[in-house]
């Protein structure tokens, strides 16, 4: 899937054991790097945790 700046997404799953984000949390795409499959997100909670889509992180459109 391709993401663009401003897309709204919701978290399905993250492999990061240190985040307070939970399933269903929503955020706005800041940038997407398809070469790294890395999605830079500004989460509504204030977190800026990036999603590593090739490493098990999953999101869906919000």
C-alpha atoms as a PDB file:
ATOM      1  CA  UNK A   1       0.000   0.000   0.000  1.00  0.00           C
ATOM      2  CA  UNK A   2       1.130   3.561  -0.638  1.00  0.00           C
ATOM      3  CA  UNK A   3       0.714   6.241   1.992  1.00  0.00           C
ATOM      4  CA  UNK A   4       0.846   9.985   1.543  1.00  0.00           C
ATOM      5  CA  UNK A   5       1.236  12.931   3.893  1.00  0.00           C
ATOM      6  CA  UNK A   6      -2.041  13.676   5.660  1.00  0.00           C
ATOM      7  CA  UNK A   7      -3.491  10.152   5.439  1.00  0.00           C
ATOM      8  CA  UNK A   8      -5.233   9.096   8.629  1.00  0.00           C
ATOM      9  CA  UNK A   9      -4.341   5.642   9.949  1.00  0.00           C
ATOM     10  CA  UNK A  10      -5.162   3.440  12.923  1.00  0.00           C
ATOM     11  CA  UNK A  11      -2.829   1.040  14.666  1.00  0.00           C
ATOM     12  CA  UNK A  12      -3.505  -2.674  14.357  1.00  0.00           C
ATOM     13  CA  UNK A  13      -0.251  -3.962  15.883  1.00  0.00           C
ATOM     14  CA  UNK A  14       3.262  -2.811  16.749  1.00  0.00           C
ATOM     15  CA  UNK A  15       6.280  -4.891  17.679  1.00  0.00           C
ATOM     16  CA  UNK A  16       7.703  -2.071  19.838  1.00  0.00           C
ATOM     17  CA  UNK A  17       7.545  -3.275  23.460  1.00  0.00           C
ATOM     18  CA  UNK A  18       8.225   0.217  24.875  1.00  0.00           C
ATOM     19  CA  UNK A  19       5.340   2.200  23.380  1.00  0.00           C
ATOM     20  CA  UNK A  20       2.115   3.202  25.103  1.00  0.00           C
ATOM     21  CA  UNK A  21       0.247   3.000  21.771  1.00  0.00           C
ATOM     22  CA  UNK A  22      -2.543   0.434  21.691  1.00  0.00           C
ATOM     23  CA  UNK A  23      -4.686  -1.131  19.007  1.00  0.00           C
ATOM     24  CA  UNK A  24      -7.082   1.422  17.520  1.00  0.00           C
ATOM     25  CA  UNK A  25      -4.948   4.481  18.292  1.00  0.00           C
ATOM     26  CA  UNK A  26      -5.086   6.912  15.374  1.00  0.00           C
ATOM     27  CA  UNK A  27      -2.579   9.228  13.777  1.00  0.00           C
ATOM     28  CA  UNK A  28      -1.650  11.209  10.689  1.00  0.00           C
ATOM     29  CA  UNK A  29       1.001  10.146   8.203  1.00  0.00           C
ATOM     30  CA  UNK A  30       3.905  12.577   8.149  1.00  0.00           C
ATOM     31  CA  UNK A  31       6.012  10.735   5.552  1.00  0.00           C
ATOM     32  CA  UNK A  32       6.323   7.307   3.943  1.00  0.00           C
ATOM     33  CA  UNK A  33       9.603   5.785   2.774  1.00  0.00           C
ATOM     34  CA  UNK A  34       8.739   2.852   0.494  1.00  0.00           C
ATOM     35  CA  UNK A  35      12.400   1.775   0.225  1.00  0.00           C
ATOM     36  CA  UNK A  36      12.531   1.123   3.961  1.00  0.00           C
ATOM     37  CA  UNK A  37       8.798   0.374   4.327  1.00  0.00           C
ATOM     38  CA  UNK A  38       8.863   2.947   7.120  1.00  0.00           C
ATOM     39  CA  UNK A  39       5.829   5.041   7.927  1.00  0.00           C
ATOM     40  CA  UNK A  40       6.441   8.231   9.900  1.00  0.00           C
ATOM     41  CA  UNK A  41       3.347   9.046  11.962  1.00  0.00           C
ATOM     42  CA  UNK A  42       2.226  11.822  14.275  1.00  0.00           C
ATOM     43  CA  UNK A  43      -0.093   9.961  16.626  1.00  0.00           C
ATOM     44  CA  UNK A  44      -3.047  11.770  18.208  1.00  0.00           C
ATOM     45  CA  UNK A  45      -1.618  10.811  21.622  1.00  0.00           C
ATOM     46  CA  UNK A  46       1.505  12.883  20.893  1.00  0.00           C
ATOM     47  CA  UNK A  47       3.744   9.915  20.086  1.00  0.00           C
ATOM     48  CA  UNK A  48       5.913  10.070  16.966  1.00  0.00           C
ATOM     49  CA  UNK A  49       6.645   6.339  16.800  1.00  0.00           C
ATOM     50  CA  UNK A  50       7.352   5.259  13.233  1.00  0.00           C
ATOM     51  CA  UNK A  51       5.873   2.053  11.854  1.00  0.00           C
ATOM     52  CA  UNK A  52       8.265  -0.517  10.390  1.00  0.00           C
ATOM     53  CA  UNK A  53       5.893  -2.268   8.026  1.00  0.00           C
ATOM     54  CA  UNK A  54       8.362  -5.002   6.989  1.00  0.00           C
ATOM     55  CA  UNK A  55       9.142  -5.799  10.614  1.00  0.00           C
ATOM     56  CA  UNK A  56       5.653  -6.674  11.818  1.00  0.00           C
ATOM     57  CA  UNK A  57       4.003  -3.301  12.487  1.00  0.00           C
ATOM     58  CA  UNK A  58       0.495  -3.072  11.016  1.00  0.00           C
ATOM     59  CA  UNK A  59      -1.854  -0.159  10.383  1.00  0.00           C
ATOM     60  CA  UNK A  60      -5.119   0.384   8.545  1.00  0.00           C
ATOM     61  CA  UNK A  61      -6.924   3.424   7.170  1.00  0.00           C
ATOM     62  CA  UNK A  62      -8.768   5.291   9.939  1.00  0.00           C
END
